[in-house]
ModelCIF file with pLDDT and N, C-alpha, C, O atoms, coordinates in Angstrom:
data_MODEL
#
_entry.id   MODEL 
#
_entity.id                         1 
_entity.type                       polymer 
_entity.pdbx_number_of_molecules   1 
#
_entity_poly.entity_id                      1 
_entity_poly.type                           'polypeptide(L)' 
_entity_poly.nstd_linkage                   no 
_entity_poly.nstd_monomer                   no 
_entity_poly.pdbx_seq_one_letter_code       DELDDKIAKLEAFIGSTRFENLDERNRKLLVAQCGVMRRYST 
_entity_poly.pdbx_seq_one_letter_code_can   DELDDKIAKLEAFIGSTRFENLDERNRKLLVAQCGVMRRYST 
_entity_poly.pdbx_strand_id                 A 
#
loop_
_entity_poly_seq.entity_id 
_entity_poly_seq.num 
_entity_poly_seq.mon_id 
_entity_poly_seq.hetero 
1 1  ASP n 
1 2  GLU n 
1 3  LEU n 
1 4  ASP n 
1 5  ASP n 
1 6  LYS n 
1 7  ILE n 
1 8  ALA n 
1 9  LYS n 
1 10 LEU n 
1 11 GLU n 
1 12 ALA n 
1 13 PHE n 
1 14 ILE n 
1 15 GLY n 
1 16 SER n 
1 17 THR n 
1 18 ARG n 
1 19 PHE n 
1 20 GLU n 
1 21 ASN n 
1 22 LEU n 
1 23 ASP n 
1 24 GLU n 
1 25 ARG n 
1 26 ASN n 
1 27 ARG n 
1 28 LYS n 
1 29 LEU n 
1 30 LEU n 
1 31 VAL n 
1 32 ALA n 
1 33 GLN n 
1 34 CYS n 
1 35 GLY n 
1 36 VAL n 
1 37 MET n 
1 38 ARG n 
1 39 ARG n 
1 40 TYR n 
1 41 SER n 
1 42 THR n 
#
_struct_asym.id          A 
_struct_asym.entity_id   1 
#
loop_
_ma_qa_metric.id 
_ma_qa_metric.mode 
_ma_qa_metric.name 
_ma_qa_metric.software_group_id 
_ma_qa_metric.type 
1 global pLDDT . pLDDT 
2 local  pLDDT . pLDDT 
#
_ma_qa_metric_global.metric_id      1 
_ma_qa_metric_global.metric_value   97.90 
_ma_qa_metric_global.model_id       1 
_ma_qa_metric_global.ordinal_id     1 
#
loop_
_ma_qa_metric_local.label_asym_id 
_ma_qa_metric_local.label_comp_id 
_ma_qa_metric_local.label_seq_id 
_ma_qa_metric_local.metric_id 
_ma_qa_metric_local.metric_value 
_ma_qa_metric_local.model_id 
_ma_qa_metric_local.ordinal_id 
A ASP 1  2 98.00 1 1  
A GLU 2  2 98.00 1 2  
A LEU 3  2 98.00 1 3  
A ASP 4  2 98.00 1 4  
A ASP 5  2 98.00 1 5  
A LYS 6  2 98.00 1 6  
A ILE 7  2 98.00 1 7  
A ALA 8  2 98.00 1 8  
A LYS 9  2 98.00 1 9  
A LEU 10 2 98.00 1 10 
A GLU 11 2 98.00 1 11 
A ALA 12 2 98.00 1 12 
A PHE 13 2 98.00 1 13 
A ILE 14 2 98.00 1 14 
A GLY 15 2 98.00 1 15 
A SER 16 2 98.00 1 16 
A THR 17 2 97.00 1 17 
A ARG 18 2 97.00 1 18 
A PHE 19 2 98.00 1 19 
A GLU 20 2 97.00 1 20 
A ASN 21 2 97.00 1 21 
A LEU 22 2 98.00 1 22 
A ASP 23 2 98.00 1 23 
A GLU 24 2 98.00 1 24 
A ARG 25 2 98.00 1 25 
A ASN 26 2 98.00 1 26 
A ARG 27 2 98.00 1 27 
A LYS 28 2 98.00 1 28 
A LEU 29 2 98.00 1 29 
A LEU 30 2 98.00 1 30 
A VAL 31 2 98.00 1 31 
A ALA 32 2 98.00 1 32 
A GLN 33 2 98.00 1 33 
A CYS 34 2 98.00 1 34 
A GLY 35 2 98.00 1 35 
A VAL 36 2 98.00 1 36 
A MET 37 2 98.00 1 37 
A ARG 38 2 98.00 1 38 
A ARG 39 2 98.00 1 39 
A TYR 40 2 98.00 1 40 
A SER 41 2 98.00 1 41 
A THR 42 2 98.00 1 42 
#
loop_
_atom_site.group_PDB 
_atom_site.id 
_atom_site.type_symbol 
_atom_site.label_atom_id 
_atom_site.label_alt_id 
_atom_site.label_comp_id 
_atom_site.label_asym_id 
_atom_site.label_entity_id 
_atom_site.label_seq_id 
_atom_site.pdbx_PDB_ins_code 
_atom_site.Cartn_x 
_atom_site.Cartn_y 
_atom_site.Cartn_z 
_atom_site.occupancy 
_atom_site.B_iso_or_equiv 
_atom_site.pdbx_formal_charge 
_atom_site.auth_seq_id 
_atom_site.auth_comp_id 
_atom_site.auth_asym_id 
_atom_site.auth_atom_id 
_atom_site.pdbx_PDB_model_num 
ATOM 1   N N  . ASP A 1 1  ? 0.817  -1.210 -0.004  1.00 98.00 ? 1  ASP A N  1 
ATOM 2   C CA . ASP A 1 1  ? 0.009  0.006  0.000   1.00 98.00 ? 1  ASP A CA 1 
ATOM 3   C C  . ASP A 1 1  ? 0.847  1.246  0.002   1.00 98.00 ? 1  ASP A C  1 
ATOM 4   O O  . ASP A 1 1  ? 0.539  2.198  -0.716  1.00 98.00 ? 1  ASP A O  1 
ATOM 5   N N  . GLU A 1 2  ? 1.911  1.270  0.795   1.00 98.00 ? 2  GLU A N  1 
ATOM 6   C CA . GLU A 1 2  ? 2.814  2.418  0.828   1.00 98.00 ? 2  GLU A CA 1 
ATOM 7   C C  . GLU A 1 2  ? 3.509  2.608  -0.520  1.00 98.00 ? 2  GLU A C  1 
ATOM 8   O O  . GLU A 1 2  ? 3.659  3.730  -1.002  1.00 98.00 ? 2  GLU A O  1 
ATOM 9   N N  . LEU A 1 3  ? 3.930  1.489  -1.121  1.00 98.00 ? 3  LEU A N  1 
ATOM 10  C CA . LEU A 1 3  ? 4.552  1.533  -2.405  1.00 98.00 ? 3  LEU A CA 1 
ATOM 11  C C  . LEU A 1 3  ? 3.608  2.058  -3.475  1.00 98.00 ? 3  LEU A C  1 
ATOM 12  O O  . LEU A 1 3  ? 4.005  2.870  -4.311  1.00 98.00 ? 3  LEU A O  1 
ATOM 13  N N  . ASP A 1 4  ? 2.360  1.599  -3.454  1.00 98.00 ? 4  ASP A N  1 
ATOM 14  C CA . ASP A 1 4  ? 1.382  2.074  -4.440  1.00 98.00 ? 4  ASP A CA 1 
ATOM 15  C C  . ASP A 1 4  ? 1.113  3.552  -4.267  1.00 98.00 ? 4  ASP A C  1 
ATOM 16  O O  . ASP A 1 4  ? 0.901  4.258  -5.254  1.00 98.00 ? 4  ASP A O  1 
ATOM 17  N N  . ASP A 1 5  ? 1.117  4.028  -3.065  1.00 98.00 ? 5  ASP A N  1 
ATOM 18  C CA . ASP A 1 5  ? 0.971  5.480  -2.821  1.00 98.00 ? 5  ASP A CA 1 
ATOM 19  C C  . ASP A 1 5  ? 2.148  6.234  -3.442  1.00 98.00 ? 5  ASP A C  1 
ATOM 20  O O  . ASP A 1 5  ? 1.945  7.263  -4.086  1.00 98.00 ? 5  ASP A O  1 
ATOM 21  N N  . LYS A 1 6  ? 3.350  5.749  -3.264  1.00 98.00 ? 6  LYS A N  1 
ATOM 22  C CA . LYS A 1 6  ? 4.542  6.385  -3.855  1.00 98.00 ? 6  LYS A CA 1 
ATOM 23  C C  . LYS A 1 6  ? 4.499  6.348  -5.380  1.00 98.00 ? 6  LYS A C  1 
ATOM 24  O O  . LYS A 1 6  ? 4.904  7.300  -6.047  1.00 98.00 ? 6  LYS A O  1 
ATOM 25  N N  . ILE A 1 7  ? 4.001  5.232  -5.924  1.00 98.00 ? 7  ILE A N  1 
ATOM 26  C CA . ILE A 1 7  ? 3.870  5.108  -7.384  1.00 98.00 ? 7  ILE A CA 1 
ATOM 27  C C  . ILE A 1 7  ? 2.893  6.164  -7.902  1.00 98.00 ? 7  ILE A C  1 
ATOM 28  O O  . ILE A 1 7  ? 3.170  6.845  -8.890  1.00 98.00 ? 7  ILE A O  1 
ATOM 29  N N  . ALA A 1 8  ? 1.759  6.294  -7.236  1.00 98.00 ? 8  ALA A N  1 
ATOM 30  C CA . ALA A 1 8  ? 0.756  7.293  -7.653  1.00 98.00 ? 8  ALA A CA 1 
ATOM 31  C C  . ALA A 1 8  ? 1.342  8.695  -7.643  1.00 98.00 ? 8  ALA A C  1 
ATOM 32  O O  . ALA A 1 8  ? 1.099  9.477  -8.562  1.00 98.00 ? 8  ALA A O  1 
ATOM 33  N N  . LYS A 1 9  ? 2.106  9.016  -6.619  1.00 98.00 ? 9  LYS A N  1 
ATOM 34  C CA . LYS A 1 9  ? 2.725  10.333 -6.512  1.00 98.00 ? 9  LYS A CA 1 
ATOM 35  C C  . LYS A 1 9  ? 3.761  10.521 -7.598  1.00 98.00 ? 9  LYS A C  1 
ATOM 36  O O  . LYS A 1 9  ? 3.830  11.594 -8.198  1.00 98.00 ? 9  LYS A O  1 
ATOM 37  N N  . LEU A 1 10 ? 4.553  9.527  -7.864  1.00 98.00 ? 10 LEU A N  1 
ATOM 38  C CA . LEU A 1 10 ? 5.589  9.636  -8.905  1.00 98.00 ? 10 LEU A CA 1 
ATOM 39  C C  . LEU A 1 10 ? 4.927  9.764  -10.274 1.00 98.00 ? 10 LEU A C  1 
ATOM 40  O O  . LEU A 1 10 ? 5.382  10.561 -11.094 1.00 98.00 ? 10 LEU A O  1 
ATOM 41  N N  . GLU A 1 11 ? 3.863  9.001  -10.548 1.00 98.00 ? 11 GLU A N  1 
ATOM 42  C CA . GLU A 1 11 ? 3.162  9.093  -11.816 1.00 98.00 ? 11 GLU A CA 1 
ATOM 43  C C  . GLU A 1 11 ? 2.537  10.461 -11.995 1.00 98.00 ? 11 GLU A C  1 
ATOM 44  O O  . GLU A 1 11 ? 2.520  10.996 -13.104 1.00 98.00 ? 11 GLU A O  1 
ATOM 45  N N  . ALA A 1 12 ? 2.027  11.030 -10.924 1.00 98.00 ? 12 ALA A N  1 
ATOM 46  C CA . ALA A 1 12 ? 1.486  12.388 -10.988 1.00 98.00 ? 12 ALA A CA 1 
ATOM 47  C C  . ALA A 1 12 ? 2.580  13.366 -11.324 1.00 98.00 ? 12 ALA A C  1 
ATOM 48  O O  . ALA A 1 12 ? 2.365  14.272 -12.128 1.00 98.00 ? 12 ALA A O  1 
ATOM 49  N N  . PHE A 1 13 ? 3.761  13.211 -10.727 1.00 98.00 ? 13 PHE A N  1 
ATOM 50  C CA . PHE A 1 13 ? 4.877  14.093 -11.004 1.00 98.00 ? 13 PHE A CA 1 
ATOM 51  C C  . PHE A 1 13 ? 5.330  13.962 -12.451 1.00 98.00 ? 13 PHE A C  1 
ATOM 52  O O  . PHE A 1 13 ? 5.620  14.954 -13.120 1.00 98.00 ? 13 PHE A O  1 
ATOM 53  N N  . ILE A 1 14 ? 5.386  12.700 -12.927 1.00 98.00 ? 14 ILE A N  1 
ATOM 54  C CA . ILE A 1 14 ? 5.800  12.469 -14.312 1.00 98.00 ? 14 ILE A CA 1 
ATOM 55  C C  . ILE A 1 14 ? 4.858  13.173 -15.286 1.00 98.00 ? 14 ILE A C  1 
ATOM 56  O O  . ILE A 1 14 ? 5.283  13.601 -16.359 1.00 98.00 ? 14 ILE A O  1 
ATOM 57  N N  . GLY A 1 15 ? 3.602  13.294 -14.924 1.00 98.00 ? 15 GLY A N  1 
ATOM 58  C CA . GLY A 1 15 ? 2.649  13.974 -15.790 1.00 98.00 ? 15 GLY A CA 1 
ATOM 59  C C  . GLY A 1 15 ? 2.599  15.477 -15.605 1.00 98.00 ? 15 GLY A C  1 
ATOM 60  O O  . GLY A 1 15 ? 1.745  16.145 -16.189 1.00 98.00 ? 15 GLY A O  1 
ATOM 61  N N  . SER A 1 16 ? 3.499  16.016 -14.803 1.00 98.00 ? 16 SER A N  1 
ATOM 62  C CA . SER A 1 16 ? 3.480  17.454 -14.504 1.00 98.00 ? 16 SER A CA 1 
ATOM 63  C C  . SER A 1 16 ? 4.455  18.241 -15.355 1.00 98.00 ? 16 SER A C  1 
ATOM 64  O O  . SER A 1 16 ? 5.326  17.661 -16.003 1.00 98.00 ? 16 SER A O  1 
ATOM 65  N N  . THR A 1 17 ? 4.317  19.549 -15.360 1.00 97.00 ? 17 THR A N  1 
ATOM 66  C CA . THR A 1 17 ? 5.237  20.419 -16.031 1.00 97.00 ? 17 THR A CA 1 
ATOM 67  C C  . THR A 1 17 ? 6.597  20.478 -15.355 1.00 97.00 ? 17 THR A C  1 
ATOM 68  O O  . THR A 1 17 ? 7.613  20.733 -16.003 1.00 97.00 ? 17 THR A O  1 
ATOM 69  N N  . ARG A 1 18 ? 6.611  20.239 -14.039 1.00 97.00 ? 18 ARG A N  1 
ATOM 70  C CA . ARG A 1 18 ? 7.884  20.196 -13.320 1.00 97.00 ? 18 ARG A CA 1 
ATOM 71  C C  . ARG A 1 18 ? 8.757  19.079 -13.850 1.00 97.00 ? 18 ARG A C  1 
ATOM 72  O O  . ARG A 1 18 ? 9.974  19.236 -13.951 1.00 97.00 ? 18 ARG A O  1 
ATOM 73  N N  . PHE A 1 19 ? 8.150  17.951 -14.190 1.00 98.00 ? 19 PHE A N  1 
ATOM 74  C CA . PHE A 1 19 ? 8.880  16.830 -14.746 1.00 98.00 ? 19 PHE A CA 1 
ATOM 75  C C  . PHE A 1 19 ? 9.482  17.233 -16.076 1.00 98.00 ? 19 PHE A C  1 
ATOM 76  O O  . PHE A 1 19 ? 10.645 16.941 -16.353 1.00 98.00 ? 19 PHE A O  1 
ATOM 77  N N  . GLU A 1 20 ? 8.691  17.903 -16.899 1.00 97.00 ? 20 GLU A N  1 
ATOM 78  C CA . GLU A 1 20 ? 9.168  18.310 -18.241 1.00 97.00 ? 20 GLU A CA 1 
ATOM 79  C C  . GLU A 1 20 ? 10.338 19.280 -18.151 1.00 97.00 ? 20 GLU A C  1 
ATOM 80  O O  . GLU A 1 20 ? 11.117 19.389 -19.098 1.00 97.00 ? 20 GLU A O  1 
ATOM 81  N N  . ASN A 1 21 ? 10.479 19.986 -17.030 1.00 97.00 ? 21 ASN A N  1 
ATOM 82  C CA . ASN A 1 21 ? 11.597 20.898 -16.864 1.00 97.00 ? 21 ASN A CA 1 
ATOM 83  C C  . ASN A 1 21 ? 12.887 20.243 -16.454 1.00 97.00 ? 21 ASN A C  1 
ATOM 84  O O  . ASN A 1 21 ? 13.934 20.889 -16.435 1.00 97.00 ? 21 ASN A O  1 
ATOM 85  N N  . LEU A 1 22 ? 12.829 18.959 -16.123 1.00 98.00 ? 22 LEU A N  1 
ATOM 86  C CA . LEU A 1 22 ? 14.040 18.227 -15.749 1.00 98.00 ? 22 LEU A CA 1 
ATOM 87  C C  . LEU A 1 22 ? 14.835 17.888 -17.019 1.00 98.00 ? 22 LEU A C  1 
ATOM 88  O O  . LEU A 1 22 ? 14.305 17.835 -18.129 1.00 98.00 ? 22 LEU A O  1 
ATOM 89  N N  . ASP A 1 23 ? 16.138 17.662 -16.792 1.00 98.00 ? 23 ASP A N  1 
ATOM 90  C CA . ASP A 1 23 ? 16.946 17.254 -17.935 1.00 98.00 ? 23 ASP A CA 1 
ATOM 91  C C  . ASP A 1 23 ? 16.586 15.825 -18.329 1.00 98.00 ? 23 ASP A C  1 
ATOM 92  O O  . ASP A 1 23 ? 16.035 15.070 -17.528 1.00 98.00 ? 23 ASP A O  1 
ATOM 93  N N  . GLU A 1 24 ? 16.899 15.468 -19.555 1.00 98.00 ? 24 GLU A N  1 
ATOM 94  C CA . GLU A 1 24 ? 16.478 14.197 -20.160 1.00 98.00 ? 24 GLU A CA 1 
ATOM 95  C C  . GLU A 1 24 ? 16.947 13.018 -19.328 1.00 98.00 ? 24 GLU A C  1 
ATOM 96  O O  . GLU A 1 24 ? 16.206 12.050 -19.159 1.00 98.00 ? 24 GLU A O  1 
ATOM 97  N N  . ARG A 1 25 ? 18.169 13.082 -18.804 1.00 98.00 ? 25 ARG A N  1 
ATOM 98  C CA . ARG A 1 25 ? 18.722 11.953 -18.032 1.00 98.00 ? 25 ARG A CA 1 
ATOM 99  C C  . ARG A 1 25 ? 17.862 11.687 -16.799 1.00 98.00 ? 25 ARG A C  1 
ATOM 100 O O  . ARG A 1 25 ? 17.525 10.537 -16.518 1.00 98.00 ? 25 ARG A O  1 
ATOM 101 N N  . ASN A 1 26 ? 17.509 12.722 -16.073 1.00 98.00 ? 26 ASN A N  1 
ATOM 102 C CA . ASN A 1 26 ? 16.654 12.523 -14.884 1.00 98.00 ? 26 ASN A CA 1 
ATOM 103 C C  . ASN A 1 26 ? 15.261 12.066 -15.227 1.00 98.00 ? 26 ASN A C  1 
ATOM 104 O O  . ASN A 1 26 ? 14.672 11.271 -14.493 1.00 98.00 ? 26 ASN A O  1 
ATOM 105 N N  . ARG A 1 27 ? 14.712 12.556 -16.340 1.00 98.00 ? 27 ARG A N  1 
ATOM 106 C CA . ARG A 1 27 ? 13.372 12.127 -16.772 1.00 98.00 ? 27 ARG A CA 1 
ATOM 107 C C  . ARG A 1 27 ? 13.392 10.630 -17.063 1.00 98.00 ? 27 ARG A C  1 
ATOM 108 O O  . ARG A 1 27 ? 12.497 9.901  -16.634 1.00 98.00 ? 27 ARG A O  1 
ATOM 109 N N  . LYS A 1 28 ? 14.406 10.170 -17.789 1.00 98.00 ? 28 LYS A N  1 
ATOM 110 C CA . LYS A 1 28 ? 14.524 8.741  -18.102 1.00 98.00 ? 28 LYS A CA 1 
ATOM 111 C C  . LYS A 1 28 ? 14.695 7.900  -16.870 1.00 98.00 ? 28 LYS A C  1 
ATOM 112 O O  . LYS A 1 28 ? 14.104 6.825  -16.766 1.00 98.00 ? 28 LYS A O  1 
ATOM 113 N N  . LEU A 1 29 ? 15.490 8.364  -15.935 1.00 98.00 ? 29 LEU A N  1 
ATOM 114 C CA . LEU A 1 29 ? 15.686 7.637  -14.702 1.00 98.00 ? 29 LEU A CA 1 
ATOM 115 C C  . LEU A 1 29 ? 14.432 7.525  -13.885 1.00 98.00 ? 29 LEU A C  1 
ATOM 116 O O  . LEU A 1 29 ? 14.152 6.464  -13.325 1.00 98.00 ? 29 LEU A O  1 
ATOM 117 N N  . LEU A 1 30 ? 13.664 8.597  -13.801 1.00 98.00 ? 30 LEU A N  1 
ATOM 118 C CA . LEU A 1 30 ? 12.420 8.576  -13.037 1.00 98.00 ? 30 LEU A CA 1 
ATOM 119 C C  . LEU A 1 30 ? 11.372 7.660  -13.671 1.00 98.00 ? 30 LEU A C  1 
ATOM 120 O O  . LEU A 1 30 ? 10.632 6.976  -12.964 1.00 98.00 ? 30 LEU A O  1 
ATOM 121 N N  . VAL A 1 31 ? 11.312 7.649  -15.008 1.00 98.00 ? 31 VAL A N  1 
ATOM 122 C CA . VAL A 1 31 ? 10.395 6.749  -15.698 1.00 98.00 ? 31 VAL A CA 1 
ATOM 123 C C  . VAL A 1 31 ? 10.826 5.296  -15.454 1.00 98.00 ? 31 VAL A C  1 
ATOM 124 O O  . VAL A 1 31 ? 9.979  4.429  -15.237 1.00 98.00 ? 31 VAL A O  1 
ATOM 125 N N  . ALA A 1 32 ? 12.112 5.032  -15.488 1.00 98.00 ? 32 ALA A N  1 
ATOM 126 C CA . ALA A 1 32 ? 12.612 3.673  -15.241 1.00 98.00 ? 32 ALA A CA 1 
ATOM 127 C C  . ALA A 1 32 ? 12.320 3.275  -13.785 1.00 98.00 ? 32 ALA A C  1 
ATOM 128 O O  . ALA A 1 32 ? 11.919 2.142  -13.516 1.00 98.00 ? 32 ALA A O  1 
ATOM 129 N N  . GLN A 1 33 ? 12.522 4.200  -12.864 1.00 98.00 ? 33 GLN A N  1 
ATOM 130 C CA . GLN A 1 33 ? 12.239 3.954  -11.450 1.00 98.00 ? 33 GLN A CA 1 
ATOM 131 C C  . GLN A 1 33 ? 10.774 3.600  -11.257 1.00 98.00 ? 33 GLN A C  1 
ATOM 132 O O  . GLN A 1 33 ? 10.449 2.682  -10.503 1.00 98.00 ? 33 GLN A O  1 
ATOM 133 N N  . CYS A 1 34 ? 9.896  4.315  -11.927 1.00 98.00 ? 34 CYS A N  1 
ATOM 134 C CA . CYS A 1 34 ? 8.461  4.055  -11.812 1.00 98.00 ? 34 CYS A CA 1 
ATOM 135 C C  . CYS A 1 34 ? 8.123  2.663  -12.321 1.00 98.00 ? 34 CYS A C  1 
ATOM 136 O O  . CYS A 1 34 ? 7.311  1.959  -11.721 1.00 98.00 ? 34 CYS A O  1 
ATOM 137 N N  . GLY A 1 35 ? 8.741  2.267  -13.422 1.00 98.00 ? 35 GLY A N  1 
ATOM 138 C CA . GLY A 1 35 ? 8.508  0.931  -13.937 1.00 98.00 ? 35 GLY A CA 1 
ATOM 139 C C  . GLY A 1 35 ? 8.930  -0.159 -12.966 1.00 98.00 ? 35 GLY A C  1 
ATOM 140 O O  . GLY A 1 35 ? 8.228  -1.152 -12.772 1.00 98.00 ? 35 GLY A O  1 
ATOM 141 N N  . VAL A 1 36 ? 10.081 0.049  -12.368 1.00 98.00 ? 36 VAL A N  1 
ATOM 142 C CA . VAL A 1 36 ? 10.556 -0.928 -11.404 1.00 98.00 ? 36 VAL A CA 1 
ATOM 143 C C  . VAL A 1 36 ? 9.642  -0.992 -10.179 1.00 98.00 ? 36 VAL A C  1 
ATOM 144 O O  . VAL A 1 36 ? 9.361  -2.072 -9.658  1.00 98.00 ? 36 VAL A O  1 
ATOM 145 N N  . MET A 1 37 ? 9.193  0.157  -9.736  1.00 98.00 ? 37 MET A N  1 
ATOM 146 C CA . MET A 1 37 ? 8.284  0.209  -8.598  1.00 98.00 ? 37 MET A CA 1 
ATOM 147 C C  . MET A 1 37 ? 6.963  -0.537 -8.924  1.00 98.00 ? 37 MET A C  1 
ATOM 148 O O  . MET A 1 37 ? 6.420  -1.253 -8.082  1.00 98.00 ? 37 MET A O  1 
ATOM 149 N N  . ARG A 1 38 ? 6.476  -0.354 -10.135 1.00 98.00 ? 38 ARG A N  1 
ATOM 150 C CA . ARG A 1 38 ? 5.244  -1.064 -10.518 1.00 98.00 ? 38 ARG A CA 1 
ATOM 151 C C  . ARG A 1 38 ? 5.475  -2.583 -10.511 1.00 98.00 ? 38 ARG A C  1 
ATOM 152 O O  . ARG A 1 38 ? 4.624  -3.345 -10.053 1.00 98.00 ? 38 ARG A O  1 
ATOM 153 N N  . ARG A 1 39 ? 6.606  -3.000 -11.010 1.00 98.00 ? 39 ARG A N  1 
ATOM 154 C CA . ARG A 1 39 ? 6.954  -4.447 -11.042 1.00 98.00 ? 39 ARG A CA 1 
ATOM 155 C C  . ARG A 1 39 ? 7.063  -4.968 -9.608  1.00 98.00 ? 39 ARG A C  1 
ATOM 156 O O  . ARG A 1 39 ? 6.582  -6.062 -9.312  1.00 98.00 ? 39 ARG A O  1 
ATOM 157 N N  . TYR A 1 40 ? 7.670  -4.224 -8.743  1.00 98.00 ? 40 TYR A N  1 
ATOM 158 C CA . TYR A 1 40 ? 7.789  -4.597 -7.343  1.00 98.00 ? 40 TYR A CA 1 
ATOM 159 C C  . TYR A 1 40 ? 6.406  -4.757 -6.696  1.00 98.00 ? 40 TYR A C  1 
ATOM 160 O O  . TYR A 1 40 ? 6.165  -5.708 -5.952  1.00 98.00 ? 40 TYR A O  1 
ATOM 161 N N  . SER A 1 41 ? 5.512  -3.822 -6.987  1.00 98.00 ? 41 SER A N  1 
ATOM 162 C CA . SER A 1 41 ? 4.167  -3.897 -6.469  1.00 98.00 ? 41 SER A CA 1 
ATOM 163 C C  . SER A 1 41 ? 3.439  -5.165 -6.983  1.00 98.00 ? 41 SER A C  1 
ATOM 164 O O  . SER A 1 41 ? 2.700  -5.807 -6.236  1.00 98.00 ? 41 SER A O  1 
ATOM 165 N N  . THR A 1 42 ? 3.655  -5.500 -8.226  1.00 98.00 ? 42 THR A N  1 
ATOM 166 C CA . THR A 1 42 ? 3.061  -6.719 -8.782  1.00 98.00 ? 42 THR A CA 1 
ATOM 167 C C  . THR A 1 42 ? 3.585  -7.949 -8.029  1.00 98.00 ? 42 THR A C  1 
ATOM 168 O O  . THR A 1 42 ? 3.204  -9.076 -8.347  1.00 98.00 ? 42 THR A O  1 
#
């Protein structure tokens, strides 16, 4: 449940303009992190 809450917050951030203002390297890392977190939840 705690992990799913963090995933929801990260996905909301990824959909925000603040995310778009990050450099490409950090955007890719955060998207990869989100994917791993989803797999962990599964």
